[in-house]
Amino acid sequence: MIDQRGQIVVKQTYEEMEGPLEEGVSPVKMNGLWGYIDRTNTFVIRPQFEFAEAFTSGVAAVKKNGHWCFINHTGEIVVPCQYDGANELFEDRAPVKIGAKWGYVDKSGKLVIPTEFDEAQSFENGLAEVRNEGGLGYVNRNGEWVWRPAK
């Protein structure tokens, strides 16, 4: 990993590394498990997850024992491991999968948009791209259609 000046800040000694440092840490895979390192290449959360997303808004989606949950910067689970899929939290909404459908939770884990989509992307500028049997569309942070799929 390099910094903005092109200087090496973390030597690649891991099986995988996910993106740049976000909120001061980066997910890395070592011995088949994911944890988080800081810019000094020190583990701040030991490898213990099946997969790990980057931190956003103080939380990160991780997969543990086959289910997805959210942790804080100390590695404490703050939203229980109960989801079949999850992505990064943006604009206080994170896509989560329950069974075959996607919806959205807030930072506390409260389901704020029901799981009714076949696919769901992260929010950006107040909108999220979603897909259902009708096709591709966009919803706002309240789950209301802004652009309905064309049939």
N, C-alpha and C. Protein backbone atom coordinates (compact mmCIF):
# COMPACT_ATOMS: atom_id res chain seq x y z
N MET A 1 0.86 -1.16 0.00
CA MET A 1 0.00 0.00 0.00
C MET A 1 0.91 1.23 0.00
N ILE A 2 0.53 2.21 -0.81
CA ILE A 2 1.32 3.43 -0.89
C ILE A 2 0.48 4.63 -0.46
N ASP A 3 1.18 5.70 -0.06
CA ASP A 3 0.46 6.91 0.33
C ASP A 3 0.32 7.82 -0.89
N GLN A 4 -0.20 9.02 -0.67
CA GLN A 4 -0.46 9.95 -1.77
C GLN A 4 0.81 10.44 -2.46
N ARG A 5 1.95 10.31 -1.79
CA ARG A 5 3.22 10.74 -2.39
C ARG A 5 3.94 9.59 -3.09
N GLY A 6 3.31 8.39 -3.09
CA GLY A 6 3.93 7.24 -3.73
C GLY A 6 4.88 6.47 -2.83
N GLN A 7 4.90 6.79 -1.54
CA GLN A 7 5.77 6.11 -0.59
C GLN A 7 5.07 4.86 -0.06
N ILE A 8 5.81 3.78 0.07
CA ILE A 8 5.24 2.53 0.60
C ILE A 8 4.99 2.73 2.09
N VAL A 9 3.73 2.50 2.51
CA VAL A 9 3.39 2.62 3.93
C VAL A 9 3.09 1.25 4.54
N VAL A 10 2.64 0.30 3.73
CA VAL A 10 2.41 -1.07 4.21
C VAL A 10 2.93 -2.02 3.15
N LYS A 11 3.90 -2.85 3.55
CA LYS A 11 4.42 -3.84 2.61
C LYS A 11 3.42 -4.99 2.51
N GLN A 12 3.22 -5.48 1.30
CA GLN A 12 2.26 -6.54 1.05
C GLN A 12 2.82 -7.86 1.57
N THR A 13 2.40 -8.23 2.76
CA THR A 13 2.79 -9.51 3.35
C THR A 13 1.55 -10.34 3.68
N TYR A 14 0.45 -9.99 3.04
CA TYR A 14 -0.82 -10.62 3.33
C TYR A 14 -1.33 -11.35 2.10
N GLU A 15 -2.24 -12.29 2.31
CA GLU A 15 -2.84 -13.01 1.19
C GLU A 15 -3.65 -12.05 0.31
N GLU A 16 -4.39 -11.15 0.96
CA GLU A 16 -5.17 -10.15 0.24
C GLU A 16 -5.25 -8.89 1.08
N MET A 17 -5.50 -7.79 0.39
CA MET A 17 -5.69 -6.51 1.07
C MET A 17 -6.82 -5.78 0.36
N GLU A 18 -7.77 -5.25 1.11
CA GLU A 18 -8.91 -4.56 0.53
C GLU A 18 -8.71 -3.05 0.55
N GLY A 19 -8.43 -2.49 -0.59
CA GLY A 19 -8.41 -1.05 -0.76
C GLY A 19 -7.46 -0.26 0.12
N PRO A 20 -7.63 1.05 0.09
CA PRO A 20 -6.76 1.94 0.88
C PRO A 20 -7.20 1.97 2.34
N LEU A 21 -6.42 2.66 3.15
CA LEU A 21 -6.81 2.86 4.54
C LEU A 21 -8.07 3.71 4.58
N GLU A 22 -9.09 3.22 5.23
CA GLU A 22 -10.33 3.96 5.43
C GLU A 22 -10.49 4.11 6.93
N GLU A 23 -10.67 5.33 7.39
CA GLU A 23 -10.79 5.62 8.81
C GLU A 23 -9.57 5.07 9.58
N GLY A 24 -8.42 5.12 8.92
CA GLY A 24 -7.16 4.76 9.56
C GLY A 24 -6.81 3.28 9.57
N VAL A 25 -7.68 2.43 9.00
CA VAL A 25 -7.41 0.99 8.98
C VAL A 25 -7.76 0.39 7.62
N SER A 26 -7.23 -0.79 7.38
CA SER A 26 -7.52 -1.50 6.13
C SER A 26 -7.71 -2.98 6.42
N PRO A 27 -8.72 -3.62 5.78
CA PRO A 27 -8.90 -5.06 5.95
C PRO A 27 -7.81 -5.82 5.20
N VAL A 28 -7.25 -6.84 5.87
CA VAL A 28 -6.25 -7.70 5.25
C VAL A 28 -6.55 -9.16 5.61
N LYS A 29 -6.15 -10.05 4.70
CA LYS A 29 -6.37 -11.48 4.90
C LYS A 29 -5.04 -12.15 5.21
N MET A 30 -5.04 -12.93 6.30
CA MET A 30 -3.84 -13.64 6.72
C MET A 30 -4.26 -15.01 7.25
N ASN A 31 -3.64 -16.04 6.75
CA ASN A 31 -3.96 -17.41 7.15
C ASN A 31 -5.44 -17.72 6.98
N GLY A 32 -6.02 -17.20 5.90
CA GLY A 32 -7.40 -17.50 5.56
C GLY A 32 -8.46 -16.67 6.26
N LEU A 33 -8.05 -15.78 7.17
CA LEU A 33 -9.02 -14.96 7.90
C LEU A 33 -8.69 -13.48 7.74
N TRP A 34 -9.72 -12.65 7.87
CA TRP A 34 -9.58 -11.21 7.70
C TRP A 34 -9.53 -10.49 9.05
N GLY A 35 -8.67 -9.47 9.10
CA GLY A 35 -8.58 -8.58 10.24
C GLY A 35 -8.28 -7.19 9.71
N TYR A 36 -7.88 -6.28 10.59
CA TYR A 36 -7.63 -4.90 10.19
C TYR A 36 -6.27 -4.44 10.72
N ILE A 37 -5.53 -3.76 9.83
CA ILE A 37 -4.24 -3.18 10.21
C ILE A 37 -4.33 -1.66 10.13
N ASP A 38 -3.42 -1.01 10.85
CA ASP A 38 -3.32 0.45 10.74
C ASP A 38 -2.15 0.79 9.82
N ARG A 39 -1.85 2.06 9.68
CA ARG A 39 -0.80 2.48 8.75
C ARG A 39 0.60 2.06 9.18
N THR A 40 0.75 1.61 10.44
CA THR A 40 2.05 1.12 10.89
C THR A 40 2.19 -0.38 10.66
N ASN A 41 1.20 -0.96 9.96
CA ASN A 41 1.21 -2.38 9.65
C ASN A 41 0.95 -3.25 10.89
N THR A 42 0.30 -2.67 11.88
CA THR A 42 -0.02 -3.35 13.13
C THR A 42 -1.48 -3.76 13.12
N PHE A 43 -1.75 -5.01 13.53
CA PHE A 43 -3.14 -5.44 13.62
C PHE A 43 -3.83 -4.70 14.75
N VAL A 44 -4.93 -4.02 14.43
CA VAL A 44 -5.75 -3.37 15.44
C VAL A 44 -6.98 -4.21 15.74
N ILE A 45 -7.35 -5.07 14.80
CA ILE A 45 -8.38 -6.10 15.00
C ILE A 45 -7.81 -7.37 14.40
N ARG A 46 -7.58 -8.37 15.25
CA ARG A 46 -6.91 -9.59 14.80
C ARG A 46 -7.73 -10.32 13.73
N PRO A 47 -7.06 -11.08 12.85
CA PRO A 47 -7.79 -11.84 11.83
C PRO A 47 -8.72 -12.87 12.48
N GLN A 48 -10.02 -12.75 12.17
CA GLN A 48 -11.01 -13.65 12.76
C GLN A 48 -12.26 -13.77 11.90
N PHE A 49 -12.29 -13.06 10.78
CA PHE A 49 -13.49 -12.99 9.96
C PHE A 49 -13.30 -13.72 8.63
N GLU A 50 -14.41 -14.24 8.10
CA GLU A 50 -14.38 -14.90 6.79
C GLU A 50 -14.23 -13.89 5.67
N PHE A 51 -14.74 -12.68 5.89
CA PHE A 51 -14.53 -11.57 4.96
C PHE A 51 -14.73 -10.28 5.72
N ALA A 52 -14.16 -9.20 5.21
CA ALA A 52 -14.26 -7.90 5.89
C ALA A 52 -14.31 -6.78 4.87
N GLU A 53 -15.25 -5.86 5.07
CA GLU A 53 -15.36 -4.67 4.24
C GLU A 53 -14.61 -3.52 4.93
N ALA A 54 -14.43 -2.43 4.21
CA ALA A 54 -13.78 -1.24 4.77
C ALA A 54 -14.69 -0.57 5.80
N PHE A 55 -14.09 0.18 6.71
CA PHE A 55 -14.85 0.96 7.68
C PHE A 55 -15.43 2.20 7.00
N THR A 56 -16.68 2.50 7.31
CA THR A 56 -17.33 3.74 6.91
C THR A 56 -18.24 4.15 8.06
N SER A 57 -18.23 5.41 8.41
CA SER A 57 -19.07 5.93 9.50
C SER A 57 -18.88 5.18 10.81
N GLY A 58 -17.66 4.69 11.04
CA GLY A 58 -17.35 4.05 12.31
C GLY A 58 -17.68 2.58 12.42
N VAL A 59 -18.22 1.98 11.35
CA VAL A 59 -18.55 0.55 11.38
C VAL A 59 -18.07 -0.13 10.10
N ALA A 60 -17.92 -1.45 10.19
CA ALA A 60 -17.55 -2.24 9.01
C ALA A 60 -18.38 -3.51 8.98
N ALA A 61 -18.77 -3.90 7.78
CA ALA A 61 -19.48 -5.17 7.59
C ALA A 61 -18.45 -6.29 7.55
N VAL A 62 -18.69 -7.35 8.33
CA VAL A 62 -17.81 -8.50 8.36
C VAL A 62 -18.65 -9.77 8.32
N LYS A 63 -18.04 -10.84 7.82
CA LYS A 63 -18.70 -12.14 7.78
C LYS A 63 -18.04 -13.04 8.82
N LYS A 64 -18.87 -13.59 9.71
CA LYS A 64 -18.37 -14.45 10.78
C LYS A 64 -19.35 -15.61 10.95
N ASN A 65 -18.82 -16.82 10.97
CA ASN A 65 -19.64 -18.03 11.12
C ASN A 65 -20.76 -18.09 10.09
N GLY A 66 -20.45 -17.66 8.86
CA GLY A 66 -21.40 -17.77 7.77
C GLY A 66 -22.42 -16.65 7.66
N HIS A 67 -22.40 -15.72 8.60
CA HIS A 67 -23.37 -14.61 8.57
C HIS A 67 -22.65 -13.27 8.67
N TRP A 68 -23.32 -12.24 8.16
CA TRP A 68 -22.76 -10.90 8.16
C TRP A 68 -23.28 -10.09 9.34
N CYS A 69 -22.40 -9.23 9.85
CA CYS A 69 -22.75 -8.34 10.95
C CYS A 69 -21.90 -7.07 10.79
N PHE A 70 -21.97 -6.18 11.77
CA PHE A 70 -21.19 -4.95 11.73
C PHE A 70 -20.40 -4.83 13.02
N ILE A 71 -19.15 -4.38 12.89
CA ILE A 71 -18.27 -4.19 14.04
C ILE A 71 -17.87 -2.72 14.15
N ASN A 72 -17.38 -2.34 15.34
CA ASN A 72 -16.82 -1.00 15.52
C ASN A 72 -15.29 -1.10 15.45
N HIS A 73 -14.60 0.00 15.71
CA HIS A 73 -13.14 0.03 15.57
C HIS A 73 -12.39 -0.81 16.60
N THR A 74 -13.06 -1.28 17.63
CA THR A 74 -12.40 -2.18 18.59
C THR A 74 -12.64 -3.64 18.24
N GLY A 75 -13.45 -3.88 17.20
CA GLY A 75 -13.76 -5.25 16.80
C GLY A 75 -15.01 -5.80 17.47
N GLU A 76 -15.65 -4.98 18.29
CA GLU A 76 -16.88 -5.39 18.97
C GLU A 76 -18.03 -5.44 17.95
N ILE A 77 -18.81 -6.51 18.01
CA ILE A 77 -19.98 -6.63 17.14
C ILE A 77 -21.06 -5.69 17.66
N VAL A 78 -21.45 -4.74 16.82
CA VAL A 78 -22.45 -3.74 17.22
C VAL A 78 -23.81 -3.98 16.56
N VAL A 79 -23.83 -4.75 15.49
CA VAL A 79 -25.07 -5.20 14.85
C VAL A 79 -24.90 -6.71 14.68
N PRO A 80 -25.80 -7.51 15.25
CA PRO A 80 -25.62 -8.97 15.30
C PRO A 80 -25.39 -9.64 13.95
N CYS A 81 -24.69 -10.76 14.00
CA CYS A 81 -24.40 -11.58 12.81
C CYS A 81 -25.65 -12.37 12.45
N GLN A 82 -26.48 -11.75 11.60
CA GLN A 82 -27.75 -12.37 11.26
C GLN A 82 -28.11 -12.23 9.78
N TYR A 83 -27.21 -11.68 8.99
CA TYR A 83 -27.53 -11.40 7.60
C TYR A 83 -26.81 -12.36 6.67
N ASP A 84 -27.46 -12.63 5.52
CA ASP A 84 -26.87 -13.50 4.50
C ASP A 84 -25.94 -12.73 3.57
N GLY A 85 -25.96 -11.42 3.65
CA GLY A 85 -25.09 -10.56 2.89
C GLY A 85 -25.13 -9.16 3.47
N ALA A 86 -24.09 -8.39 3.25
CA ALA A 86 -24.05 -7.00 3.72
C ALA A 86 -22.98 -6.25 2.95
N ASN A 87 -23.17 -4.95 2.83
CA ASN A 87 -22.18 -4.08 2.20
C ASN A 87 -21.93 -2.89 3.10
N GLU A 88 -21.04 -2.01 2.65
CA GLU A 88 -20.63 -0.86 3.45
C GLU A 88 -21.78 0.11 3.72
N LEU A 89 -21.70 0.76 4.86
CA LEU A 89 -22.68 1.76 5.29
C LEU A 89 -22.30 3.11 4.70
N PHE A 90 -23.22 3.71 3.96
CA PHE A 90 -23.07 5.07 3.45
C PHE A 90 -24.36 5.81 3.70
N GLU A 91 -24.25 7.06 4.10
CA GLU A 91 -25.41 7.91 4.37
C GLU A 91 -26.37 7.23 5.36
N ASP A 92 -25.80 6.59 6.38
CA ASP A 92 -26.53 5.92 7.45
C ASP A 92 -27.46 4.81 6.94
N ARG A 93 -27.07 4.17 5.84
CA ARG A 93 -27.82 3.04 5.31
C ARG A 93 -26.82 2.01 4.79
N ALA A 94 -27.04 0.75 5.14
CA ALA A 94 -26.20 -0.33 4.61
C ALA A 94 -27.10 -1.40 4.01
N PRO A 95 -26.79 -1.84 2.79
CA PRO A 95 -27.56 -2.93 2.21
C PRO A 95 -27.31 -4.23 2.98
N VAL A 96 -28.38 -4.96 3.30
CA VAL A 96 -28.27 -6.27 3.95
C VAL A 96 -29.18 -7.24 3.25
N LYS A 97 -28.77 -8.49 3.25
CA LYS A 97 -29.53 -9.54 2.58
C LYS A 97 -30.08 -10.50 3.63
N ILE A 98 -31.38 -10.77 3.53
CA ILE A 98 -32.02 -11.77 4.38
C ILE A 98 -32.69 -12.75 3.42
N GLY A 99 -32.23 -14.00 3.44
CA GLY A 99 -32.70 -14.96 2.45
C GLY A 99 -32.22 -14.53 1.08
N ALA A 100 -33.14 -14.37 0.15
CA ALA A 100 -32.78 -13.99 -1.22
C ALA A 100 -32.99 -12.50 -1.50
N LYS A 101 -33.47 -11.75 -0.53
CA LYS A 101 -33.82 -10.35 -0.77
C LYS A 101 -32.96 -9.38 0.02
N TRP A 102 -32.78 -8.19 -0.54
CA TRP A 102 -31.98 -7.13 0.05
C TRP A 102 -32.86 -5.99 0.54
N GLY A 103 -32.44 -5.39 1.65
CA GLY A 103 -33.05 -4.18 2.19
C GLY A 103 -31.93 -3.35 2.80
N TYR A 104 -32.27 -2.45 3.73
CA TYR A 104 -31.27 -1.56 4.31
C TYR A 104 -31.47 -1.44 5.81
N VAL A 105 -30.33 -1.41 6.54
CA VAL A 105 -30.34 -1.14 7.97
C VAL A 105 -29.62 0.18 8.21
N ASP A 106 -29.90 0.79 9.38
CA ASP A 106 -29.13 1.96 9.78
C ASP A 106 -27.96 1.50 10.65
N LYS A 107 -27.21 2.44 11.17
CA LYS A 107 -26.00 2.12 11.93
C LYS A 107 -26.28 1.31 13.19
N SER A 108 -27.50 1.43 13.72
CA SER A 108 -27.87 0.68 14.92
C SER A 108 -28.35 -0.74 14.60
N GLY A 109 -28.54 -1.04 13.30
CA GLY A 109 -29.01 -2.35 12.90
C GLY A 109 -30.51 -2.42 12.67
N LYS A 110 -31.20 -1.31 12.84
CA LYS A 110 -32.64 -1.27 12.62
C LYS A 110 -32.92 -1.35 11.11
N LEU A 111 -33.81 -2.26 10.74
CA LEU A 111 -34.20 -2.39 9.34
C LEU A 111 -35.04 -1.16 8.97
N VAL A 112 -34.51 -0.30 8.11
CA VAL A 112 -35.18 0.96 7.77
C VAL A 112 -35.83 0.92 6.38
N ILE A 113 -35.39 0.00 5.54
CA ILE A 113 -36.02 -0.24 4.25
C ILE A 113 -36.18 -1.75 4.13
N PRO A 114 -37.41 -2.25 3.98
CA PRO A 114 -37.66 -3.70 3.98
C PRO A 114 -36.85 -4.45 2.92
N THR A 115 -36.61 -5.72 3.19
CA THR A 115 -35.89 -6.60 2.27
C THR A 115 -36.84 -7.03 1.16
N GLU A 116 -36.85 -6.25 0.08
CA GLU A 116 -37.76 -6.53 -1.03
C GLU A 116 -37.08 -6.46 -2.39
N PHE A 117 -35.75 -6.31 -2.41
CA PHE A 117 -35.03 -6.15 -3.66
C PHE A 117 -34.17 -7.37 -3.97
N ASP A 118 -34.01 -7.64 -5.27
CA ASP A 118 -33.13 -8.73 -5.71
C ASP A 118 -31.66 -8.32 -5.60
N GLU A 119 -31.39 -7.03 -5.76
CA GLU A 119 -30.06 -6.47 -5.61
C GLU A 119 -30.20 -5.08 -4.99
N ALA A 120 -29.18 -4.65 -4.25
CA ALA A 120 -29.21 -3.32 -3.64
C ALA A 120 -27.79 -2.79 -3.50
N GLN A 121 -27.58 -1.59 -3.98
CA GLN A 121 -26.27 -0.94 -3.90
C GLN A 121 -26.27 0.07 -2.76
N SER A 122 -25.09 0.56 -2.41
CA SER A 122 -24.95 1.56 -1.36
C SER A 122 -25.55 2.90 -1.80
N PHE A 123 -25.93 3.70 -0.81
CA PHE A 123 -26.47 5.03 -1.09
C PHE A 123 -25.36 6.00 -1.49
N GLU A 124 -25.72 6.89 -2.40
CA GLU A 124 -24.83 7.98 -2.81
C GLU A 124 -25.71 9.16 -3.20
N ASN A 125 -25.45 10.31 -2.61
CA ASN A 125 -26.24 11.52 -2.88
C ASN A 125 -27.73 11.28 -2.66
N GLY A 126 -28.06 10.52 -1.62
CA GLY A 126 -29.45 10.32 -1.24
C GLY A 126 -30.21 9.26 -2.00
N LEU A 127 -29.54 8.58 -2.95
CA LEU A 127 -30.20 7.55 -3.75
C LEU A 127 -29.41 6.25 -3.74
N ALA A 128 -30.14 5.14 -3.90
CA ALA A 128 -29.49 3.83 -4.03
C ALA A 128 -30.09 3.11 -5.24
N GLU A 129 -29.21 2.49 -6.00
CA GLU A 129 -29.64 1.68 -7.13
C GLU A 129 -30.12 0.33 -6.60
N VAL A 130 -31.31 -0.08 -7.02
CA VAL A 130 -31.87 -1.37 -6.61
C VAL A 130 -32.44 -2.07 -7.84
N ARG A 131 -32.60 -3.37 -7.71
CA ARG A 131 -33.15 -4.17 -8.80
C ARG A 131 -34.19 -5.12 -8.22
N ASN A 132 -35.31 -5.22 -8.91
CA ASN A 132 -36.29 -6.24 -8.57
C ASN A 132 -36.74 -6.89 -9.87
N GLU A 133 -37.78 -7.70 -9.80
CA GLU A 133 -38.21 -8.43 -11.01
C GLU A 133 -38.59 -7.48 -12.15
N GLY A 134 -38.92 -6.24 -11.82
CA GLY A 134 -39.27 -5.26 -12.85
C GLY A 134 -38.06 -4.62 -13.51
N GLY A 135 -36.89 -4.77 -12.92
CA GLY A 135 -35.68 -4.19 -13.48
C GLY A 135 -34.98 -3.27 -12.51
N LEU A 136 -34.18 -2.38 -13.06
CA LEU A 136 -33.33 -1.48 -12.30
C LEU A 136 -34.05 -0.17 -12.01
N GLY A 137 -33.90 0.35 -10.77
CA GLY A 137 -34.47 1.63 -10.40
C GLY A 137 -33.69 2.25 -9.26
N TYR A 138 -34.21 3.35 -8.71
CA TYR A 138 -33.56 4.05 -7.60
C TYR A 138 -34.58 4.36 -6.51
N VAL A 139 -34.13 4.21 -5.25
CA VAL A 139 -34.95 4.57 -4.10
C VAL A 139 -34.23 5.64 -3.29
N ASN A 140 -35.01 6.43 -2.52
CA ASN A 140 -34.41 7.40 -1.62
C ASN A 140 -34.14 6.75 -0.26
N ARG A 141 -33.65 7.51 0.69
CA ARG A 141 -33.27 6.98 2.00
C ARG A 141 -34.47 6.46 2.80
N ASN A 142 -35.68 6.79 2.38
CA ASN A 142 -36.89 6.28 3.03
C ASN A 142 -37.42 5.03 2.34
N GLY A 143 -36.76 4.61 1.27
CA GLY A 143 -37.20 3.43 0.53
C GLY A 143 -38.26 3.73 -0.51
N GLU A 144 -38.52 5.01 -0.76
CA GLU A 144 -39.53 5.41 -1.75
C GLU A 144 -38.89 5.44 -3.14
N TRP A 145 -39.63 4.96 -4.11
CA TRP A 145 -39.14 4.96 -5.48
C TRP A 145 -38.97 6.39 -5.98
N VAL A 146 -37.81 6.69 -6.53
CA VAL A 146 -37.54 7.96 -7.19
C VAL A 146 -37.59 7.73 -8.69
N TRP A 147 -37.10 6.59 -9.09
CA TRP A 147 -37.16 6.16 -10.49
C TRP A 147 -37.52 4.69 -10.50
N ARG A 148 -38.74 4.39 -10.89
CA ARG A 148 -39.23 3.00 -10.92
C ARG A 148 -38.66 2.26 -12.11
N PRO A 149 -38.46 0.95 -11.96
CA PRO A 149 -38.01 0.16 -13.10
C PRO A 149 -39.05 0.19 -14.23
N ALA A 150 -38.56 0.27 -15.45
CA ALA A 150 -39.45 0.18 -16.62
C ALA A 150 -39.82 -1.29 -16.82
N LYS A 151 -41.05 -1.53 -17.15
CA LYS A 151 -41.50 -2.92 -17.35
C LYS A 151 -41.37 -3.33 -18.79
